[in-house]
Protein backbone atom coordinates (compact mmCIF):
# COMPACT_ATOMS: atom_id res chain seq x y z
CA MET A 1 59.90 1.82 102.70
CA THR A 2 61.77 3.66 99.92
CA ALA A 3 65.36 4.74 100.35
CA SER A 4 64.52 8.45 100.01
CA PHE A 5 61.75 8.24 102.63
CA LEU A 6 64.06 6.36 104.99
CA GLN A 7 66.73 8.99 104.43
CA PHE A 8 64.21 11.78 105.17
CA THR A 9 63.09 10.09 108.37
CA GLU A 10 66.63 9.52 109.61
CA GLU A 11 67.52 13.17 108.87
CA LYS A 12 64.59 14.33 110.96
CA LEU A 13 65.73 12.06 113.77
CA GLY A 14 69.31 13.29 113.44
CA GLN A 15 70.57 9.85 112.45
CA ALA A 16 71.74 10.66 108.91
CA GLU A 17 73.90 13.26 107.22
CA LYS A 18 72.38 15.79 104.83
CA THR A 19 73.90 17.37 101.73
CA GLU A 20 73.77 21.14 102.25
CA LEU A 21 73.19 23.58 99.40
CA ASP A 22 75.58 26.51 99.06
CA ALA A 23 74.77 29.83 100.76
CA HIS A 24 73.93 31.60 97.48
CA PHE A 25 71.39 28.90 96.62
CA GLU A 26 69.81 29.16 100.06
CA ASN A 27 69.56 32.95 99.65
CA LEU A 28 67.86 32.51 96.28
CA MET A 29 65.27 30.19 97.82
CA ALA A 30 64.64 32.53 100.74
CA ARG A 31 64.20 35.46 98.35
CA ALA A 32 61.76 33.44 96.25
CA ASP A 33 59.71 32.48 99.32
CA CYS A 34 59.62 36.11 100.43
CA THR A 35 58.48 37.22 96.97
CA LYS A 36 55.71 34.62 96.91
CA ASN A 37 54.43 35.49 100.40
CA TRP A 38 54.33 39.26 99.86
CA THR A 39 52.87 38.92 96.37
CA GLU A 40 49.99 36.90 97.83
CA LYS A 41 49.33 39.50 100.52
CA ILE A 42 49.51 42.45 98.12
CA LEU A 43 47.24 40.65 95.64
CA ARG A 44 44.60 39.80 98.23
CA GLN A 45 44.54 43.27 99.78
CA THR A 46 44.37 44.97 96.39
CA GLU A 47 41.37 42.79 95.57
CA VAL A 48 39.76 43.97 98.82
CA LEU A 49 40.53 47.59 97.90
CA LEU A 50 38.95 47.26 94.47
CA GLN A 51 35.98 45.15 95.63
CA PRO A 52 35.23 45.41 99.39
CA ASN A 53 32.20 43.11 99.07
CA LEU A 54 33.29 39.58 100.01
CA SER A 55 30.43 37.81 98.25
CA ALA A 56 31.17 39.75 95.05
CA ARG A 57 34.84 38.72 95.23
CA VAL A 58 33.87 35.07 95.72
CA GLU A 59 31.53 35.29 92.74
CA GLU A 60 34.27 36.78 90.55
CA PHE A 61 36.68 34.05 91.71
CA LEU A 62 34.23 31.31 90.72
CA TYR A 63 33.66 32.85 87.31
CA GLU A 64 37.43 32.98 86.73
CA LYS A 65 37.86 29.33 87.77
CA LEU A 66 35.04 28.32 85.42
CA ASP A 67 36.73 30.35 82.67
CA ARG A 68 33.62 32.45 82.19
CA LYS A 69 33.30 36.18 81.74
CA VAL A 70 32.50 38.04 84.93
CA PRO A 71 29.13 39.85 84.50
CA SER A 72 29.19 43.62 84.59
CA ARG A 73 28.24 44.95 88.02
CA VAL A 74 26.72 48.37 88.79
CA THR A 75 29.00 50.42 91.04
CA ASN A 76 27.75 52.00 94.23
CA GLY A 77 28.05 55.46 92.70
CA GLU A 78 25.97 54.48 89.68
CA LEU A 79 23.31 52.91 91.93
CA LEU A 80 23.17 56.07 94.05
CA ALA A 81 22.84 58.15 90.87
CA GLN A 82 19.89 56.00 89.80
CA TYR A 83 18.12 56.48 93.14
CA MET A 84 18.71 60.24 93.11
CA THR A 85 17.34 60.57 89.59
CA GLU A 86 14.24 58.55 90.44
CA ALA A 87 13.72 60.61 93.60
CA ALA A 88 14.04 63.84 91.59
CA ASN A 89 11.34 62.65 89.20
CA ASP A 90 9.03 61.93 92.14
CA PHE A 91 9.71 65.23 93.92
CA GLY A 92 9.55 67.18 90.68
CA PRO A 93 12.61 67.79 88.49
CA GLY A 94 11.72 71.48 88.35
CA THR A 95 11.83 71.99 92.13
CA PRO A 96 15.00 73.19 93.85
CA TYR A 97 15.46 69.85 95.60
CA GLY A 98 14.74 67.91 92.42
CA LYS A 99 17.19 69.97 90.37
CA THR A 100 19.90 69.47 92.97
CA LEU A 101 19.27 65.74 93.12
CA ILE A 102 19.66 65.55 89.36
CA LYS A 103 22.93 67.51 89.46
CA VAL A 104 24.39 65.41 92.28
CA GLY A 105 23.09 62.20 90.73
CA GLU A 106 24.82 62.98 87.44
CA THR A 107 28.08 63.54 89.29
CA GLN A 108 27.65 60.26 91.17
CA ARG A 109 27.12 58.50 87.86
CA ARG A 110 30.36 59.97 86.52
CA LEU A 111 32.17 58.96 89.71
CA GLY A 112 30.81 55.43 89.37
CA ALA A 113 31.94 55.22 85.75
CA ALA A 114 35.41 56.46 86.72
CA GLU A 115 35.55 53.82 89.48
CA ARG A 116 34.61 51.11 86.99
CA ASP A 117 37.39 52.20 84.61
CA PHE A 118 39.92 52.26 87.46
CA ILE A 119 38.94 48.76 88.64
CA GLN A 120 39.25 47.36 85.13
CA SER A 121 42.61 49.04 84.56
CA ALA A 122 43.99 47.86 87.91
CA ALA A 123 42.78 44.31 87.29
CA ILE A 124 44.45 44.11 83.88
CA ASN A 125 47.69 45.97 84.60
CA PHE A 126 48.34 44.97 88.21
CA LEU A 127 46.28 42.06 89.55
CA THR A 128 46.63 39.83 86.49
CA PRO A 129 50.47 39.91 86.40
CA LEU A 130 50.65 39.13 90.14
CA ARG A 131 48.15 36.29 89.75
CA ASN A 132 50.02 34.92 86.73
CA PHE A 133 53.21 34.76 88.76
CA LEU A 134 51.57 32.85 91.60
CA GLU A 135 49.67 30.47 89.33
CA GLY A 136 52.43 30.05 86.73
CA ASP A 137 56.05 30.80 87.55
CA TRP A 138 55.74 30.03 91.25
CA ARG A 139 54.11 26.66 90.65
CA THR A 140 56.94 25.74 88.29
CA ILE A 141 59.53 26.82 90.86
CA SER A 142 57.81 24.83 93.60
CA LYS A 143 57.65 21.72 91.44
CA GLU A 144 61.35 21.89 90.55
CA ARG A 145 62.28 22.51 94.19
CA ARG A 146 60.40 19.38 95.23
CA THR A 147 62.19 17.44 92.52
CA LEU A 148 65.51 18.78 93.77
CA GLN A 149 64.63 17.73 97.30
CA ASN A 150 63.92 14.19 96.11
CA CYS A 151 67.19 14.13 94.18
CA ARG A 152 69.07 15.22 97.29
CA LEU A 153 67.44 12.52 99.40
CA ASP A 154 68.37 9.91 96.79
CA LEU A 155 71.93 11.23 96.72
CA ASP A 156 72.30 11.11 100.49
CA ALA A 157 70.77 7.63 100.60
CA CYS A 158 73.39 6.47 98.08
CA LYS A 159 76.13 8.01 100.21
CA ALA A 160 74.82 6.14 103.23
CA ARG A 161 74.74 2.81 101.33
CA LEU A 162 78.29 3.37 100.14
CA LYS A 163 79.47 3.86 103.71
CA LYS A 164 77.72 0.67 104.81
CA ALA A 165 78.98 -1.45 101.89
CA LYS A 166 81.64 -4.01 102.93
CA ALA A 167 82.18 -6.21 99.95
CA ALA A 168 84.08 -4.86 96.93
CA GLU A 169 81.23 -5.71 94.59
CA ALA A 170 78.73 -3.91 96.79
CA LYS A 171 81.01 -0.86 96.99
CA ALA A 172 81.41 -0.76 93.22
CA ALA A 173 77.66 -0.90 92.71
CA ALA A 174 77.13 1.82 95.34
CA GLU A 175 79.76 4.06 93.75
CA HIS A 176 78.17 3.66 90.31
CA GLU A 177 74.75 4.50 91.71
CA LEU A 178 76.23 7.48 93.56
CA ARG A 179 77.72 8.88 90.36
CA LEU A 180 74.36 8.64 88.62
CA THR A 181 72.44 10.26 91.44
CA GLN A 182 75.10 12.98 91.80
CA THR A 183 74.76 13.80 88.10
CA GLU A 184 70.98 13.93 88.38
CA PHE A 185 71.21 16.08 91.50
CA ASP A 186 73.61 18.56 89.84
CA ARG A 187 71.40 18.82 86.77
CA GLN A 188 68.29 19.46 88.86
CA ALA A 189 70.12 21.97 91.04
CA GLU A 190 71.11 23.97 87.95
CA VAL A 191 67.54 23.96 86.62
CA THR A 192 66.21 25.13 89.98
CA ARG A 193 68.92 27.78 90.31
CA LEU A 194 68.01 29.31 86.94
CA LEU A 195 64.35 29.49 87.92
CA LEU A 196 65.18 31.10 91.28
CA GLU A 197 67.43 33.67 89.62
CA GLY A 198 64.46 34.58 87.42
CA ILE A 199 62.82 36.15 90.50
CA SER A 200 64.85 39.27 89.71
CA SER A 201 63.01 39.58 86.38
CA THR A 202 59.76 39.05 88.26
CA HIS A 203 60.57 42.02 90.50
CA VAL A 204 61.27 44.19 87.44
CA ASN A 205 57.95 43.18 85.88
CA HIS A 206 56.02 43.79 89.10
CA LEU A 207 57.71 47.18 89.48
CA ARG A 208 56.45 48.22 86.05
CA CYS A 209 52.96 46.97 86.94
CA LEU A 210 53.08 48.90 90.20
CA HIS A 211 53.84 52.12 88.33
CA GLU A 212 50.88 51.48 86.04
CA PHE A 213 48.65 50.86 89.07
CA VAL A 214 49.72 54.14 90.67
CA GLU A 215 49.12 55.99 87.39
CA SER A 216 45.62 54.51 87.10
CA GLN A 217 44.84 55.38 90.70
CA THR A 218 46.16 58.91 90.25
CA ASN A 219 44.00 59.44 87.16
CA TYR A 220 40.98 58.04 89.00
CA TYR A 221 41.32 60.36 91.99
CA ALA A 222 42.08 63.32 89.72
CA GLN A 223 38.85 62.63 87.82
CA CYS A 224 36.88 62.37 91.05
CA TYR A 225 38.37 65.62 92.33
CA GLN A 226 37.51 67.45 89.11
CA TYR A 227 33.96 66.07 89.08
CA MET A 228 33.40 67.25 92.65
CA LEU A 229 34.86 70.68 91.91
CA ASP A 230 32.49 71.03 88.97
CA LEU A 231 29.57 69.98 91.14
CA GLN A 232 30.57 72.36 93.90
CA LYS A 233 30.66 75.25 91.40
CA GLN A 234 27.25 74.33 90.02
CA LEU A 235 25.66 74.09 93.45
CA GLY A 236 27.28 77.35 94.54
CA ARG A 237 26.05 79.08 91.40
CA PHE A 238 22.49 77.86 91.69
CA SER A 239 22.08 77.82 95.46
CA GLY A 240 20.72 81.37 95.52
CA THR A 241 18.05 80.54 92.96
CA PHE A 242 17.13 77.33 94.73
CA VAL A 243 16.79 79.00 98.13
CA GLY A 244 14.83 81.88 96.67
CA ASN A 245 12.34 79.56 95.00
CA ALA A 246 12.12 76.94 97.73
CA GLU A 247 8.66 76.48 99.21
CA SER A 248 9.90 74.84 102.39
CA THR A 249 8.78 76.06 105.79
CA SER A 250 11.69 74.41 107.63
CA PRO A 251 14.75 76.54 108.41
CA PRO A 252 17.93 75.88 106.36
CA PRO A 253 20.73 73.82 107.96
CA ALA A 254 22.93 75.80 110.32
CA ALA A 255 26.05 74.91 108.35
CA ALA A 256 24.59 76.44 105.17
CA SER A 257 23.47 79.73 106.75
CA PRO A 258 25.40 82.73 108.05
CA PRO A 259 25.82 82.94 111.83
CA ALA A 260 22.82 84.14 113.78
CA GLY A 261 22.46 87.88 113.56
CA ALA A 262 25.06 88.17 110.82
CA ALA A 263 22.67 89.45 108.16
CA ALA A 264 21.09 91.89 110.60
CA THR A 265 24.40 93.43 111.60
CA LEU A 266 25.81 93.73 108.09
CA PRO A 267 25.44 97.32 106.88
CA ALA A 268 23.28 97.91 103.85
CA VAL A 269 23.87 100.27 100.96
CA PRO A 270 21.26 101.74 98.63
CA THR A 271 19.92 99.43 95.95
CA ILE A 272 21.45 99.95 92.52
CA PRO A 273 18.72 100.96 90.08
CA VAL A 274 18.30 98.76 87.04
CA VAL A 275 19.71 100.46 83.96
CA PRO A 276 19.10 99.12 80.47
CA THR A 277 22.14 97.89 78.55
CA ILE A 278 23.74 100.63 76.47
CA VAL A 279 26.27 99.70 73.82
CA GLY A 280 29.60 101.40 74.46
CA VAL A 281 28.79 102.42 78.04
CA PRO A 282 30.95 100.20 80.32
CA ASN A 283 29.17 101.14 83.56
CA ALA A 284 25.76 100.08 82.33
CA VAL A 285 24.07 97.33 84.31
CA ALA A 286 22.20 94.57 82.47
CA GLU A 287 18.56 94.32 83.37
CA GLY A 288 18.06 92.34 86.59
CA VAL A 289 21.79 91.62 87.03
CA LEU A 290 23.85 93.14 89.83
CA ASN A 291 27.27 94.54 88.89
CA PRO A 292 29.35 94.42 92.11
CA ASN A 293 31.98 96.74 90.62
CA GLU A 294 29.45 99.60 90.77
CA VAL A 295 28.56 98.97 94.40
CA LYS A 296 29.94 101.50 96.89
CA PRO A 297 30.87 99.97 100.26
CA PRO A 298 29.24 101.58 103.31
CA ALA A 299 31.26 104.18 105.13
CA SER A 300 31.35 102.10 108.32
CA GLY A 301 30.22 98.77 109.71
CA THR A 302 31.72 96.42 107.14
CA ARG A 303 32.78 93.07 108.52
CA LYS A 304 35.83 90.92 108.15
CA ALA A 305 35.48 87.29 107.12
CA ARG A 306 37.87 84.36 106.92
CA VAL A 307 37.57 82.12 103.87
CA LEU A 308 36.98 78.47 104.78
CA TYR A 309 37.46 76.83 101.36
CA ASP A 310 38.81 77.70 97.92
CA TYR A 311 36.12 79.01 95.58
CA GLU A 312 36.42 79.56 91.84
CA ALA A 313 34.34 82.43 90.51
CA ALA A 314 31.66 81.30 88.05
CA ASP A 315 31.55 84.64 86.20
CA SER A 316 32.77 88.23 86.39
CA THR A 317 30.23 89.17 89.07
CA GLU A 318 31.78 86.74 91.58
CA LEU A 319 35.01 86.95 93.55
CA ALA A 320 37.38 83.96 93.58
CA LEU A 321 38.45 82.92 97.08
CA LEU A 322 41.44 81.19 98.63
CA ALA A 323 41.16 79.22 101.87
CA ASP A 324 42.30 81.07 105.03
CA GLU A 325 42.50 84.51 103.41
CA MET A 326 40.73 87.53 105.00
CA ILE A 327 38.27 89.66 103.05
CA THR A 328 35.79 92.46 103.76
CA VAL A 329 32.10 91.68 103.29
CA TYR A 330 28.74 93.47 103.42
CA SER A 331 25.21 92.87 102.16
CA LEU A 332 22.74 94.74 99.95
CA PRO A 333 19.02 95.21 100.50
CA GLY A 334 17.06 92.49 98.76
CA MET A 335 20.22 90.42 98.15
CA ASP A 336 19.93 86.66 98.50
CA PRO A 337 20.90 85.73 102.09
CA ASP A 338 23.30 83.04 100.85
CA TRP A 339 25.50 85.65 99.13
CA LEU A 340 27.46 88.72 100.21
CA ILE A 341 29.59 91.34 98.50
CA GLY A 342 33.26 90.60 99.15
CA GLU A 343 36.24 92.92 98.70
CA ARG A 344 39.94 92.13 98.57
CA GLY A 345 42.08 95.11 97.69
CA ASN A 346 40.84 96.44 94.34
CA GLN A 347 38.87 93.26 93.63
CA LYS A 348 35.18 93.01 94.38
CA GLY A 349 32.40 90.48 93.73
CA LYS A 350 29.72 88.22 95.12
CA VAL A 351 30.82 85.47 97.50
CA PRO A 352 28.82 82.54 98.96
CA VAL A 353 28.23 82.77 102.71
CA THR A 354 28.80 79.04 103.18
CA TYR A 355 32.47 79.55 102.27
CA LEU A 356 33.02 82.19 104.97
CA GLU A 357 33.48 82.50 108.68
CA LEU A 358 32.12 85.94 109.62
CA LEU A 359 34.20 87.66 112.29
CA SER A 360 33.01 90.27 114.76
């Protein structure tokens, strides 16, 4: 049985004295342990955030351990885009449903590409530095702490032998050995202290990486938001055409139609005759295109409507909307049922019914 192991056993049994490290050193070790534990948890949960699929994460882990490049994987958005495009080709890319599938599929593809870029950026700028700390700096710190522990056990064992020595020659030998082990212990303690104090630099580095992660995530969500806004505008712009050309016998979803009886109770005004375009005449109406600014509201029976969502006008014939505002609406004979004429003060234009809550 070695002296250090005997010393360790007697300490656990309360039969031997133990050299205590100073309070500052103990605080440094506690701070390092805390950093290691939280870094592990943050790393693992970030990996789950970026790749929820457990089997995919295991596969990536194995590729990293084998020092091989992780194969490119199709994102869920890109896979959905592929299915939508294939479905549109089967249903007919010229049909209303097919056209919409193509539009939505293209947006899903862009969302998937943005997700891929975000995952790559987060892996490089955030996950890799955290993993490098755990697999590099922390392993070095742990190794030196174990060495320090062994040096302390040797030192305390020497102190115990010195106390038990009776003869002068034995005491001299014990004192000489104690001086050597004390020197080794002090040297190792200084090495370990320097490594533990380096945890402060680790925090600074991880703080910078965290800022880069937040910036990447912000850019990712901003891209997704813009892609969806663009899609929403496109679907709002083309919904009238799609509904008008649809050859479906099933009624439209309730959420996409005005409340029952709304169209019947909205007052109608005479249809604006089509006037050919005349250069220099501002009130002329292009052939087949309604100019809401030339529409006169009915004398009575207009309805109030509350706007449910923000809507950005696609052109000058439409009225931009802000969520929760109140506007006046009415319909025109022959007008697509998914659109109404909306008025707000001196502003007037077409508005989509799906963005409104019609009030009595």
